[in-house]
Amino acid sequence: MQAIMETGFDIIYLATVITLGILMIKGNRGNRQYLLFGIMAVTLGLGDSFHLVPRAIALCTTGLQDYTVALGIGKWITSITMTIFYVILYYVWRLRYHVEGRNELTIVMYILAALRIALCMFPQNAWTSVNAPLSWGIYRNIPFALMGLMVIILFYQSSRQKQDKAFYNMWLTIVLSFAFYIPVVLFADTIPMVGMLMIPKTCAYVWTVWLGYSDMKKVQR
C-alpha cells in the first residue's frame, strides 16, 4: 500500500511542477521574472526526481535497503538543486520588486549557497551509507535554513510594502516547507513516521510554483 500511495503521489508531484515550469518557460512572453520562475520549477522537479525515482523503484521492487547507494546519490543531487532553487527564488524577488543595488544581500546569498554546497561535498556526509551521521545532516542544513529565512523575510516585507496580493503568501509557502522539513532531518532516522512530513513539505513547494504560474496567467489575460 505504501508503495502504491507514495509512488502515485511522487509521480503527480513531479509531473505537476515540471509541467508548470515548462509552461512558464515557454509562455513567459519575454518576462524574465516568469522565465526564472519556470527554470526554478523545472530545477525543483528534476532535482527531486534523482531521489524520488530511485525511491519509487525501491518501494515497488525489493525495498529501500537494496537501493542505498542510488538513494544517497539522489539525495545529494537534490540537496544541491534545492540550493540553486533558493538562489533563483531570490532573483525572482529582485525582479518582481524591481530591487536595485542592495548587493550585500546578493553576496550573503551566494556565500550561504556556496557554504551549503561545499558542506554537501564532504565525505563525512556518508551519502551512500545506511548510517549517515545526523551531525552532518545538521551542518549542511544550517546555511540552507538561513537562505530560506532570508527569502522568507524578503518576500514577507516586499509583498506587504507593495500590497502584492498575488505573492502575499509566498513567504508562508517557504515557512511551511521548512517547518515540515526540519523535523525530518532531526528525527526521521529514529522515528520513521516523521518522514511522512515530506508529503506536506512537497505540497508547500507545489504551492510556491502555483503562485508563480497563476500570477503569470492572470497578468497575461
N, C-alpha and C. Protein backbone atom coordinates (compact mmCIF):
# COMPACT_ATOMS: atom_id res chain seq x y z
N MET A 1 0.82 -1.21 0.00
CA MET A 1 0.00 0.00 0.00
C MET A 1 0.86 1.27 0.00
N GLN A 2 1.93 1.28 0.84
CA GLN A 2 2.82 2.44 0.87
C GLN A 2 3.43 2.69 -0.49
N ALA A 3 3.86 1.60 -1.15
CA ALA A 3 4.50 1.74 -2.46
C ALA A 3 3.55 2.39 -3.46
N ILE A 4 2.31 1.96 -3.48
CA ILE A 4 1.34 2.49 -4.43
C ILE A 4 1.03 3.96 -4.13
N MET A 5 0.73 4.26 -2.87
CA MET A 5 0.33 5.62 -2.49
C MET A 5 1.48 6.61 -2.67
N GLU A 6 2.65 6.23 -2.17
CA GLU A 6 3.78 7.15 -2.24
C GLU A 6 4.25 7.36 -3.67
N THR A 7 4.32 6.27 -4.44
CA THR A 7 4.74 6.39 -5.83
C THR A 7 3.77 7.24 -6.63
N GLY A 8 2.47 7.02 -6.41
CA GLY A 8 1.46 7.81 -7.11
C GLY A 8 1.57 9.29 -6.77
N PHE A 9 1.78 9.59 -5.49
CA PHE A 9 1.93 10.98 -5.05
C PHE A 9 3.16 11.62 -5.70
N ASP A 10 4.27 10.91 -5.72
CA ASP A 10 5.50 11.45 -6.29
C ASP A 10 5.38 11.70 -7.79
N ILE A 11 4.69 10.80 -8.48
CA ILE A 11 4.50 10.98 -9.93
C ILE A 11 3.68 12.25 -10.19
N ILE A 12 2.61 12.42 -9.43
CA ILE A 12 1.77 13.61 -9.59
C ILE A 12 2.56 14.87 -9.28
N TYR A 13 3.35 14.83 -8.20
CA TYR A 13 4.15 15.99 -7.80
C TYR A 13 5.16 16.37 -8.88
N LEU A 14 5.96 15.40 -9.32
CA LEU A 14 7.00 15.68 -10.32
C LEU A 14 6.38 16.16 -11.63
N ALA A 15 5.32 15.50 -12.05
CA ALA A 15 4.67 15.90 -13.30
C ALA A 15 4.11 17.32 -13.20
N THR A 16 3.57 17.65 -12.05
CA THR A 16 2.95 18.97 -11.85
C THR A 16 3.98 20.09 -11.90
N VAL A 17 5.03 19.98 -11.09
CA VAL A 17 5.99 21.10 -11.02
C VAL A 17 6.80 21.23 -12.32
N ILE A 18 7.15 20.11 -12.93
CA ILE A 18 7.91 20.18 -14.18
C ILE A 18 7.04 20.74 -15.30
N THR A 19 5.78 20.30 -15.37
CA THR A 19 4.86 20.81 -16.39
C THR A 19 4.62 22.30 -16.23
N LEU A 20 4.35 22.73 -15.00
CA LEU A 20 4.14 24.16 -14.75
C LEU A 20 5.39 24.96 -15.09
N GLY A 21 6.55 24.40 -14.76
CA GLY A 21 7.80 25.08 -15.08
C GLY A 21 8.00 25.25 -16.57
N ILE A 22 7.74 24.19 -17.33
CA ILE A 22 7.88 24.24 -18.79
C ILE A 22 6.90 25.24 -19.39
N LEU A 23 5.67 25.25 -18.88
CA LEU A 23 4.67 26.20 -19.38
C LEU A 23 5.10 27.63 -19.13
N MET A 24 5.75 27.88 -18.00
CA MET A 24 6.22 29.23 -17.69
C MET A 24 7.41 29.61 -18.56
N ILE A 25 8.29 28.66 -18.83
CA ILE A 25 9.45 28.93 -19.69
C ILE A 25 8.99 29.25 -21.11
N LYS A 26 7.99 28.49 -21.58
CA LYS A 26 7.51 28.68 -22.95
C LYS A 26 6.56 29.85 -23.08
N GLY A 27 5.83 30.17 -22.01
CA GLY A 27 4.79 31.18 -22.12
C GLY A 27 5.03 32.47 -21.39
N ASN A 28 6.30 32.77 -21.06
CA ASN A 28 6.57 33.97 -20.25
C ASN A 28 6.47 35.27 -21.04
N ARG A 29 6.47 35.18 -22.38
CA ARG A 29 6.33 36.35 -23.25
C ARG A 29 7.38 37.43 -22.96
N GLY A 30 8.59 36.99 -22.71
CA GLY A 30 9.68 37.93 -22.51
C GLY A 30 9.81 38.47 -21.11
N ASN A 31 8.95 38.03 -20.20
CA ASN A 31 9.02 38.50 -18.81
C ASN A 31 10.04 37.64 -18.06
N ARG A 32 11.15 38.23 -17.70
CA ARG A 32 12.25 37.48 -17.10
C ARG A 32 11.87 36.87 -15.75
N GLN A 33 10.97 37.53 -15.04
CA GLN A 33 10.54 37.01 -13.74
C GLN A 33 9.90 35.63 -13.91
N TYR A 34 9.00 35.51 -14.88
CA TYR A 34 8.31 34.24 -15.08
C TYR A 34 9.22 33.20 -15.72
N LEU A 35 10.15 33.67 -16.54
CA LEU A 35 11.14 32.75 -17.11
C LEU A 35 11.97 32.12 -15.99
N LEU A 36 12.44 32.97 -15.07
CA LEU A 36 13.22 32.46 -13.94
C LEU A 36 12.39 31.52 -13.07
N PHE A 37 11.14 31.88 -12.88
CA PHE A 37 10.25 31.05 -12.06
C PHE A 37 10.08 29.68 -12.71
N GLY A 38 9.96 29.66 -14.03
CA GLY A 38 9.84 28.39 -14.74
C GLY A 38 11.09 27.55 -14.62
N ILE A 39 12.25 28.19 -14.77
CA ILE A 39 13.52 27.47 -14.61
C ILE A 39 13.64 26.93 -13.19
N MET A 40 13.21 27.71 -12.22
CA MET A 40 13.24 27.30 -10.82
C MET A 40 12.36 26.07 -10.59
N ALA A 41 11.17 26.06 -11.20
CA ALA A 41 10.24 24.93 -11.03
C ALA A 41 10.80 23.67 -11.67
N VAL A 42 11.38 23.79 -12.85
CA VAL A 42 11.97 22.62 -13.52
C VAL A 42 13.17 22.11 -12.73
N THR A 43 13.97 23.03 -12.20
CA THR A 43 15.12 22.64 -11.36
C THR A 43 14.64 21.86 -10.14
N LEU A 44 13.56 22.33 -9.52
CA LEU A 44 12.97 21.64 -8.37
C LEU A 44 12.55 20.23 -8.74
N GLY A 45 11.79 20.10 -9.83
CA GLY A 45 11.27 18.80 -10.23
C GLY A 45 12.34 17.83 -10.65
N LEU A 46 13.25 18.28 -11.51
CA LEU A 46 14.31 17.39 -11.98
C LEU A 46 15.24 16.99 -10.84
N GLY A 47 15.55 17.95 -9.97
CA GLY A 47 16.42 17.65 -8.84
C GLY A 47 15.81 16.62 -7.92
N ASP A 48 14.54 16.80 -7.59
CA ASP A 48 13.86 15.85 -6.70
C ASP A 48 13.71 14.48 -7.34
N SER A 49 13.63 14.44 -8.68
CA SER A 49 13.45 13.15 -9.35
C SER A 49 14.64 12.22 -9.14
N PHE A 50 15.82 12.79 -8.93
CA PHE A 50 17.01 11.95 -8.71
C PHE A 50 16.88 11.14 -7.41
N HIS A 51 16.09 11.64 -6.48
CA HIS A 51 15.86 10.91 -5.23
C HIS A 51 14.55 10.13 -5.26
N LEU A 52 13.51 10.75 -5.80
CA LEU A 52 12.18 10.14 -5.74
C LEU A 52 12.02 8.96 -6.69
N VAL A 53 12.65 9.03 -7.86
CA VAL A 53 12.53 7.91 -8.81
C VAL A 53 13.19 6.63 -8.26
N PRO A 54 14.45 6.71 -7.77
CA PRO A 54 15.02 5.50 -7.15
C PRO A 54 14.21 5.02 -5.95
N ARG A 55 13.64 5.95 -5.20
CA ARG A 55 12.84 5.55 -4.05
C ARG A 55 11.58 4.79 -4.50
N ALA A 56 10.95 5.30 -5.55
CA ALA A 56 9.76 4.63 -6.07
C ALA A 56 10.09 3.23 -6.58
N ILE A 57 11.21 3.12 -7.29
CA ILE A 57 11.64 1.81 -7.79
C ILE A 57 11.92 0.86 -6.64
N ALA A 58 12.58 1.38 -5.60
CA ALA A 58 12.90 0.55 -4.44
C ALA A 58 11.64 0.06 -3.74
N LEU A 59 10.69 0.96 -3.55
CA LEU A 59 9.45 0.59 -2.86
C LEU A 59 8.65 -0.44 -3.65
N CYS A 60 8.74 -0.36 -4.97
CA CYS A 60 7.94 -1.25 -5.83
C CYS A 60 8.67 -2.55 -6.17
N THR A 61 9.91 -2.68 -5.70
CA THR A 61 10.66 -3.91 -6.00
C THR A 61 11.12 -4.58 -4.71
N THR A 62 12.42 -4.52 -4.45
CA THR A 62 12.99 -5.30 -3.35
C THR A 62 13.15 -4.54 -2.04
N GLY A 63 12.82 -3.24 -2.02
CA GLY A 63 12.91 -2.48 -0.79
C GLY A 63 14.03 -1.46 -0.76
N LEU A 64 13.90 -0.49 0.15
CA LEU A 64 14.86 0.62 0.25
C LEU A 64 16.27 0.15 0.58
N GLN A 65 16.38 -0.94 1.34
CA GLN A 65 17.69 -1.41 1.77
C GLN A 65 18.58 -1.82 0.61
N ASP A 66 18.00 -2.16 -0.53
CA ASP A 66 18.78 -2.59 -1.70
C ASP A 66 19.14 -1.44 -2.62
N TYR A 67 18.72 -0.23 -2.28
CA TYR A 67 18.98 0.93 -3.15
C TYR A 67 19.65 2.06 -2.37
N THR A 68 20.43 1.69 -1.38
CA THR A 68 21.06 2.69 -0.51
C THR A 68 21.94 3.66 -1.29
N VAL A 69 22.75 3.14 -2.20
CA VAL A 69 23.67 3.99 -2.96
C VAL A 69 22.91 4.94 -3.87
N ALA A 70 21.95 4.41 -4.63
CA ALA A 70 21.17 5.24 -5.55
C ALA A 70 20.39 6.32 -4.79
N LEU A 71 19.82 5.93 -3.67
CA LEU A 71 19.06 6.90 -2.86
C LEU A 71 19.97 7.97 -2.27
N GLY A 72 21.15 7.56 -1.85
CA GLY A 72 22.10 8.51 -1.27
C GLY A 72 22.60 9.52 -2.29
N ILE A 73 22.94 9.02 -3.49
CA ILE A 73 23.39 9.92 -4.56
C ILE A 73 22.25 10.86 -4.97
N GLY A 74 21.05 10.31 -5.04
CA GLY A 74 19.89 11.14 -5.38
C GLY A 74 19.64 12.21 -4.34
N LYS A 75 19.81 11.87 -3.09
CA LYS A 75 19.63 12.85 -2.01
C LYS A 75 20.69 13.94 -2.09
N TRP A 76 21.91 13.56 -2.44
CA TRP A 76 23.00 14.52 -2.60
C TRP A 76 22.69 15.51 -3.73
N ILE A 77 22.24 14.98 -4.88
CA ILE A 77 21.90 15.83 -6.02
C ILE A 77 20.74 16.76 -5.66
N THR A 78 19.73 16.21 -4.99
CA THR A 78 18.59 17.03 -4.58
C THR A 78 19.01 18.16 -3.64
N SER A 79 19.95 17.88 -2.75
CA SER A 79 20.43 18.90 -1.82
C SER A 79 21.05 20.07 -2.56
N ILE A 80 21.76 19.78 -3.63
CA ILE A 80 22.41 20.83 -4.42
C ILE A 80 21.38 21.60 -5.25
N THR A 81 20.46 20.87 -5.90
CA THR A 81 19.48 21.56 -6.74
C THR A 81 18.52 22.41 -5.90
N MET A 82 18.25 21.98 -4.67
CA MET A 82 17.40 22.81 -3.81
C MET A 82 18.11 24.10 -3.41
N THR A 83 19.42 24.04 -3.30
CA THR A 83 20.20 25.25 -3.02
C THR A 83 20.07 26.22 -4.19
N ILE A 84 20.18 25.68 -5.41
CA ILE A 84 20.02 26.51 -6.61
C ILE A 84 18.62 27.08 -6.68
N PHE A 85 17.63 26.29 -6.28
CA PHE A 85 16.23 26.72 -6.25
C PHE A 85 16.08 28.02 -5.46
N TYR A 86 16.71 28.11 -4.30
CA TYR A 86 16.56 29.30 -3.46
C TYR A 86 17.34 30.49 -4.01
N VAL A 87 18.44 30.24 -4.68
CA VAL A 87 19.17 31.33 -5.32
C VAL A 87 18.30 31.94 -6.43
N ILE A 88 17.67 31.08 -7.21
CA ILE A 88 16.79 31.57 -8.28
C ILE A 88 15.60 32.32 -7.70
N LEU A 89 15.02 31.79 -6.63
CA LEU A 89 13.88 32.46 -5.99
C LEU A 89 14.26 33.83 -5.47
N TYR A 90 15.48 33.96 -5.00
CA TYR A 90 15.99 35.26 -4.56
C TYR A 90 15.99 36.25 -5.73
N TYR A 91 16.41 35.78 -6.91
CA TYR A 91 16.43 36.66 -8.08
C TYR A 91 15.02 36.96 -8.58
N VAL A 92 14.09 36.04 -8.39
CA VAL A 92 12.68 36.33 -8.69
C VAL A 92 12.22 37.51 -7.83
N TRP A 93 12.60 37.49 -6.56
CA TRP A 93 12.26 38.60 -5.67
C TRP A 93 12.83 39.91 -6.19
N ARG A 94 14.08 39.90 -6.60
CA ARG A 94 14.70 41.13 -7.10
C ARG A 94 13.98 41.65 -8.35
N LEU A 95 13.64 40.78 -9.26
CA LEU A 95 12.96 41.19 -10.49
C LEU A 95 11.54 41.66 -10.21
N ARG A 96 10.82 40.92 -9.38
CA ARG A 96 9.42 41.25 -9.13
C ARG A 96 9.26 42.61 -8.47
N TYR A 97 10.15 42.92 -7.55
CA TYR A 97 10.02 44.16 -6.80
C TYR A 97 11.02 45.23 -7.26
N HIS A 98 11.61 45.00 -8.43
CA HIS A 98 12.50 45.98 -9.07
C HIS A 98 13.58 46.47 -8.10
N VAL A 99 14.23 45.52 -7.47
CA VAL A 99 15.25 45.85 -6.47
C VAL A 99 16.55 46.24 -7.17
N GLU A 100 17.04 47.39 -6.88
CA GLU A 100 18.33 47.87 -7.40
C GLU A 100 19.32 47.97 -6.26
N GLY A 101 20.56 47.68 -6.55
CA GLY A 101 21.58 47.74 -5.50
C GLY A 101 21.39 46.63 -4.49
N ARG A 102 21.58 47.00 -3.22
CA ARG A 102 21.48 46.04 -2.11
C ARG A 102 22.35 44.80 -2.39
N ASN A 103 23.54 45.07 -2.89
CA ASN A 103 24.44 43.99 -3.28
C ASN A 103 24.89 43.14 -2.10
N GLU A 104 24.77 43.70 -0.90
CA GLU A 104 25.17 42.92 0.27
C GLU A 104 24.26 41.70 0.45
N LEU A 105 23.00 41.83 0.05
CA LEU A 105 22.08 40.70 0.13
C LEU A 105 22.50 39.59 -0.84
N THR A 106 22.90 40.01 -2.04
CA THR A 106 23.33 39.04 -3.05
C THR A 106 24.59 38.32 -2.58
N ILE A 107 25.51 39.07 -1.99
CA ILE A 107 26.75 38.47 -1.50
C ILE A 107 26.46 37.44 -0.42
N VAL A 108 25.58 37.80 0.52
CA VAL A 108 25.23 36.88 1.59
C VAL A 108 24.58 35.62 1.02
N MET A 109 23.67 35.79 0.05
CA MET A 109 23.00 34.64 -0.55
C MET A 109 24.00 33.70 -1.21
N TYR A 110 24.96 34.26 -1.93
CA TYR A 110 25.96 33.43 -2.61
C TYR A 110 26.91 32.75 -1.61
N ILE A 111 27.24 33.45 -0.56
CA ILE A 111 28.11 32.85 0.46
C ILE A 111 27.41 31.66 1.11
N LEU A 112 26.14 31.84 1.47
CA LEU A 112 25.38 30.75 2.08
C LEU A 112 25.22 29.58 1.12
N ALA A 113 24.94 29.89 -0.15
CA ALA A 113 24.78 28.83 -1.15
C ALA A 113 26.09 28.06 -1.35
N ALA A 114 27.19 28.80 -1.44
CA ALA A 114 28.49 28.15 -1.62
C ALA A 114 28.85 27.29 -0.41
N LEU A 115 28.55 27.79 0.78
CA LEU A 115 28.83 27.05 2.00
C LEU A 115 27.99 25.78 2.06
N ARG A 116 26.74 25.91 1.71
CA ARG A 116 25.83 24.75 1.70
C ARG A 116 26.34 23.67 0.73
N ILE A 117 26.69 24.07 -0.50
CA ILE A 117 27.16 23.11 -1.49
C ILE A 117 28.48 22.49 -1.06
N ALA A 118 29.37 23.33 -0.50
CA ALA A 118 30.67 22.81 -0.04
C ALA A 118 30.48 21.77 1.06
N LEU A 119 29.57 22.03 2.00
CA LEU A 119 29.31 21.07 3.07
C LEU A 119 28.71 19.78 2.53
N CYS A 120 27.92 19.89 1.47
CA CYS A 120 27.34 18.69 0.87
C CYS A 120 28.40 17.81 0.20
N MET A 121 29.55 18.39 -0.12
CA MET A 121 30.60 17.65 -0.83
C MET A 121 31.50 16.85 0.11
N PHE A 122 31.46 17.13 1.39
CA PHE A 122 32.34 16.45 2.32
C PHE A 122 31.99 14.96 2.42
N PRO A 123 33.00 14.10 2.40
CA PRO A 123 32.74 12.66 2.51
C PRO A 123 32.11 12.27 3.84
N GLN A 124 32.28 13.12 4.86
CA GLN A 124 31.71 12.82 6.17
C GLN A 124 30.18 12.75 6.15
N ASN A 125 29.56 13.27 5.07
CA ASN A 125 28.11 13.16 4.95
C ASN A 125 27.67 11.71 4.79
N ALA A 126 28.57 10.89 4.26
CA ALA A 126 28.28 9.46 4.06
C ALA A 126 26.93 9.26 3.36
N TRP A 127 26.79 9.93 2.22
CA TRP A 127 25.53 9.88 1.49
C TRP A 127 25.08 8.46 1.16
N THR A 128 26.03 7.61 0.80
CA THR A 128 25.68 6.27 0.33
C THR A 128 25.72 5.22 1.45
N SER A 129 25.77 5.69 2.68
CA SER A 129 25.80 4.77 3.82
C SER A 129 24.42 4.67 4.47
N VAL A 130 24.13 3.52 5.02
CA VAL A 130 22.87 3.33 5.74
C VAL A 130 22.87 4.15 7.03
N ASN A 131 24.05 4.32 7.61
CA ASN A 131 24.19 5.03 8.89
C ASN A 131 24.84 6.40 8.70
N ALA A 132 24.24 7.24 7.87
CA ALA A 132 24.77 8.59 7.67
C ALA A 132 24.64 9.38 8.97
N PRO A 133 25.68 10.12 9.36
CA PRO A 133 25.67 10.82 10.64
C PRO A 133 24.68 11.99 10.68
N LEU A 134 23.93 12.09 11.75
CA LEU A 134 22.98 13.17 11.92
C LEU A 134 23.68 14.52 11.99
N SER A 135 24.87 14.54 12.60
CA SER A 135 25.60 15.80 12.78
C SER A 135 25.82 16.51 11.45
N TRP A 136 26.22 15.76 10.42
CA TRP A 136 26.47 16.39 9.13
C TRP A 136 25.17 16.77 8.43
N GLY A 137 24.10 16.07 8.73
CA GLY A 137 22.80 16.48 8.23
C GLY A 137 22.43 17.84 8.78
N ILE A 138 22.81 18.10 10.02
CA ILE A 138 22.54 19.40 10.65
C ILE A 138 23.48 20.46 10.08
N TYR A 139 24.77 20.14 9.98
CA TYR A 139 25.75 21.12 9.49
C TYR A 139 25.35 21.68 8.12
N ARG A 140 25.05 20.77 7.19
CA ARG A 140 24.79 21.22 5.82
C ARG A 140 23.46 21.96 5.69
N ASN A 141 22.57 21.75 6.66
CA ASN A 141 21.27 22.41 6.59
C ASN A 141 21.23 23.76 7.29
N ILE A 142 22.27 24.11 8.03
CA ILE A 142 22.31 25.42 8.68
C ILE A 142 22.35 26.54 7.64
N PRO A 143 23.30 26.55 6.69
CA PRO A 143 23.27 27.62 5.68
C PRO A 143 22.03 27.56 4.80
N PHE A 144 21.51 26.35 4.58
CA PHE A 144 20.29 26.19 3.79
C PHE A 144 19.11 26.84 4.48
N ALA A 145 18.99 26.62 5.78
CA ALA A 145 17.91 27.24 6.55
C ALA A 145 18.04 28.76 6.57
N LEU A 146 19.27 29.24 6.64
CA LEU A 146 19.49 30.69 6.62
C LEU A 146 19.10 31.29 5.27
N MET A 147 19.36 30.56 4.19
CA MET A 147 18.91 31.01 2.87
C MET A 147 17.38 31.11 2.84
N GLY A 148 16.74 30.08 3.37
CA GLY A 148 15.29 30.08 3.42
C GLY A 148 14.75 31.23 4.25
N LEU A 149 15.36 31.47 5.41
CA LEU A 149 14.93 32.56 6.28
C LEU A 149 15.07 33.91 5.59
N MET A 150 16.15 34.06 4.86
CA MET A 150 16.40 35.30 4.13
C MET A 150 15.30 35.53 3.08
N VAL A 151 14.96 34.50 2.33
CA VAL A 151 13.92 34.60 1.30
C VAL A 151 12.56 34.86 1.94
N ILE A 152 12.29 34.22 3.06
CA ILE A 152 11.03 34.42 3.78
C ILE A 152 10.85 35.88 4.17
N ILE A 153 11.89 36.45 4.78
CA ILE A 153 11.83 37.84 5.24
C ILE A 153 11.65 38.80 4.07
N LEU A 154 12.41 38.57 3.00
CA LEU A 154 12.35 39.48 1.85
C LEU A 154 10.97 39.48 1.19
N PHE A 155 10.41 38.29 0.98
CA PHE A 155 9.08 38.23 0.36
C PHE A 155 8.00 38.75 1.30
N TYR A 156 8.14 38.49 2.58
CA TYR A 156 7.15 38.98 3.54
C TYR A 156 7.13 40.52 3.53
N GLN A 157 8.30 41.12 3.63
CA GLN A 157 8.37 42.58 3.69
C GLN A 157 7.90 43.22 2.38
N SER A 158 8.41 42.72 1.27
CA SER A 158 8.11 43.34 -0.02
C SER A 158 6.65 43.16 -0.42
N SER A 159 6.09 41.98 -0.18
CA SER A 159 4.70 41.75 -0.58
C SER A 159 3.74 42.65 0.18
N ARG A 160 4.10 43.01 1.39
CA ARG A 160 3.25 43.89 2.18
C ARG A 160 3.50 45.36 1.85
N GLN A 161 4.74 45.71 1.62
CA GLN A 161 5.04 47.09 1.24
C GLN A 161 4.39 47.46 -0.09
N LYS A 162 4.39 46.50 -1.03
CA LYS A 162 3.85 46.73 -2.37
C LYS A 162 2.39 46.31 -2.49
N GLN A 163 1.82 45.78 -1.40
CA GLN A 163 0.44 45.26 -1.44
C GLN A 163 0.27 44.28 -2.60
N ASP A 164 1.22 43.35 -2.68
CA ASP A 164 1.26 42.36 -3.76
C ASP A 164 0.41 41.15 -3.35
N LYS A 165 -0.87 41.20 -3.70
CA LYS A 165 -1.79 40.15 -3.29
C LYS A 165 -1.44 38.79 -3.89
N ALA A 166 -0.92 38.77 -5.10
CA ALA A 166 -0.60 37.51 -5.77
C ALA A 166 0.48 36.73 -5.03
N PHE A 167 1.45 37.46 -4.47
CA PHE A 167 2.56 36.81 -3.76
C PHE A 167 2.47 37.04 -2.26
N TYR A 168 1.28 37.37 -1.78
CA TYR A 168 1.12 37.69 -0.36
C TYR A 168 1.49 36.53 0.54
N ASN A 169 1.29 35.31 0.06
CA ASN A 169 1.59 34.12 0.87
C ASN A 169 2.85 33.38 0.42
N MET A 170 3.64 33.99 -0.45
CA MET A 170 4.86 33.32 -0.89
C MET A 170 5.76 32.99 0.30
N TRP A 171 5.88 33.93 1.22
CA TRP A 171 6.71 33.69 2.41
C TRP A 171 6.20 32.49 3.20
N LEU A 172 4.88 32.34 3.27
CA LEU A 172 4.29 31.26 4.05
C LEU A 172 4.59 29.89 3.44
N THR A 173 4.63 29.82 2.11
CA THR A 173 4.94 28.53 1.47
C THR A 173 6.33 28.05 1.88
N ILE A 174 7.26 28.99 2.00
CA ILE A 174 8.63 28.63 2.39
C ILE A 174 8.70 28.29 3.88
N VAL A 175 7.97 29.04 4.70
CA VAL A 175 7.90 28.73 6.13
C VAL A 175 7.41 27.30 6.33
N LEU A 176 6.33 26.95 5.65
CA LEU A 176 5.76 25.61 5.80
C LEU A 176 6.72 24.53 5.32
N SER A 177 7.39 24.80 4.21
CA SER A 177 8.32 23.78 3.68
C SER A 177 9.42 23.48 4.69
N PHE A 178 9.94 24.49 5.36
CA PHE A 178 10.98 24.27 6.36
C PHE A 178 10.40 23.69 7.65
N ALA A 179 9.19 24.11 8.00
CA ALA A 179 8.56 23.60 9.22
C ALA A 179 8.36 22.09 9.14
N PHE A 180 8.07 21.59 7.94
CA PHE A 180 7.90 20.15 7.75
C PHE A 180 9.22 19.43 7.50
N TYR A 181 10.19 20.15 6.95
CA TYR A 181 11.47 19.53 6.58
C TYR A 181 12.41 19.34 7.77
N ILE A 182 12.49 20.32 8.66
CA ILE A 182 13.44 20.27 9.77
C ILE A 182 13.21 19.06 10.68
N PRO A 183 11.97 18.74 11.06
CA PRO A 183 11.78 17.53 11.90
C PRO A 183 12.24 16.25 11.20
N VAL A 184 12.12 16.21 9.87
CA VAL A 184 12.58 15.03 9.13
C VAL A 184 14.09 14.89 9.26
N VAL A 185 14.80 16.00 9.12
CA VAL A 185 16.26 15.98 9.25
C VAL A 185 16.67 15.50 10.64
N LEU A 186 15.97 15.97 11.66
CA LEU A 186 16.37 15.70 13.04
C LEU A 186 15.91 14.33 13.55
N PHE A 187 14.74 13.89 13.12
CA PHE A 187 14.15 12.72 13.80
C PHE A 187 13.78 11.53 12.92
N ALA A 188 13.87 11.67 11.59
CA ALA A 188 13.39 10.61 10.70
C ALA A 188 14.14 9.30 10.90
N ASP A 189 15.42 9.36 11.23
CA ASP A 189 16.21 8.13 11.40
C ASP A 189 15.78 7.35 12.64
N THR A 190 15.36 8.04 13.67
CA THR A 190 14.96 7.37 14.91
C THR A 190 13.45 7.14 15.00
N ILE A 191 12.68 8.02 14.32
CA ILE A 191 11.23 7.89 14.31
C ILE A 191 10.78 7.91 12.85
N PRO A 192 10.78 6.77 12.18
CA PRO A 192 10.50 6.71 10.73
C PRO A 192 9.21 7.41 10.30
N MET A 193 8.19 7.40 11.15
CA MET A 193 6.92 8.03 10.77
C MET A 193 7.04 9.53 10.54
N VAL A 194 8.07 10.13 11.12
CA VAL A 194 8.29 11.56 10.91
C VAL A 194 8.55 11.84 9.43
N GLY A 195 9.08 10.85 8.73
CA GLY A 195 9.34 11.01 7.30
C GLY A 195 8.10 11.35 6.49
N MET A 196 6.91 11.06 7.05
CA MET A 196 5.66 11.39 6.36
C MET A 196 5.48 12.90 6.19
N LEU A 197 6.22 13.68 6.97
CA LEU A 197 6.12 15.14 6.85
C LEU A 197 6.65 15.64 5.51
N MET A 198 7.37 14.77 4.79
CA MET A 198 7.86 15.17 3.47
C MET A 198 6.69 15.38 2.50
N ILE A 199 5.55 14.78 2.78
CA ILE A 199 4.38 14.96 1.91
C ILE A 199 3.85 16.39 1.98
N PRO A 200 3.53 16.92 3.18
CA PRO A 200 3.10 18.33 3.22
C PRO A 200 4.21 19.29 2.82
N LYS A 201 5.48 18.91 3.06
CA LYS A 201 6.59 19.76 2.61
C LYS A 201 6.56 19.89 1.10
N THR A 202 6.33 18.77 0.44
CA THR A 202 6.26 18.76 -1.02
C THR A 202 5.07 19.60 -1.50
N CYS A 203 3.95 19.49 -0.82
CA CYS A 203 2.77 20.28 -1.17
C CYS A 203 3.05 21.77 -1.04
N ALA A 204 3.85 22.15 -0.06
CA ALA A 204 4.21 23.56 0.10
C ALA A 204 4.99 24.07 -1.10
N TYR A 205 5.88 23.23 -1.64
CA TYR A 205 6.65 23.63 -2.82
C TYR A 205 5.76 23.71 -4.06
N VAL A 206 4.78 22.82 -4.15
CA VAL A 206 3.82 22.91 -5.26
C VAL A 206 3.06 24.23 -5.17
N TRP A 207 2.70 24.63 -3.96
CA TRP A 207 2.03 25.91 -3.75
C TRP A 207 2.91 27.06 -4.21
N THR A 208 4.20 26.99 -3.89
CA THR A 208 5.15 28.02 -4.33
C THR A 208 5.11 28.17 -5.84
N VAL A 209 5.23 27.06 -6.54
CA VAL A 209 5.25 27.07 -8.00
C VAL A 209 3.91 27.56 -8.55
N TRP A 210 2.82 27.11 -7.93
CA TRP A 210 1.50 27.50 -8.40
C TRP A 210 1.27 29.00 -8.29
N LEU A 211 1.78 29.63 -7.23
CA LEU A 211 1.63 31.07 -7.08
C LEU A 211 2.26 31.80 -8.26
N GLY A 212 3.43 31.36 -8.68
CA GLY A 212 4.09 31.99 -9.82
C GLY A 212 3.34 31.76 -11.12
N TYR A 213 2.90 30.52 -11.33
CA TYR A 213 2.19 30.19 -12.57
C TYR A 213 0.85 30.92 -12.66
N SER A 214 0.08 30.90 -11.59
CA SER A 214 -1.24 31.54 -11.61
C SER A 214 -1.12 33.04 -11.80
N ASP A 215 -0.05 33.65 -11.24
CA ASP A 215 0.16 35.08 -11.42
C ASP A 215 0.48 35.39 -12.88
N MET A 216 1.30 34.53 -13.51
CA MET A 216 1.63 34.74 -14.94
C MET A 216 0.37 34.69 -15.80
N LYS A 217 -0.48 33.69 -15.54
CA LYS A 217 -1.70 33.56 -16.34
C LYS A 217 -2.64 34.76 -16.10
N LYS A 218 -2.69 35.24 -14.87
CA LYS A 218 -3.55 36.38 -14.56
C LYS A 218 -3.07 37.64 -15.28
N VAL A 219 -1.77 37.85 -15.28
CA VAL A 219 -1.19 39.03 -15.91
C VAL A 219 -1.41 39.00 -17.44
N GLN A 220 -1.38 37.80 -18.00
CA GLN A 220 -1.47 37.66 -19.46
C GLN A 220 -2.90 37.64 -19.99
N ARG A 221 -3.89 37.69 -19.13
CA ARG A 221 -5.30 37.70 -19.60
C ARG A 221 -5.61 38.98 -20.39
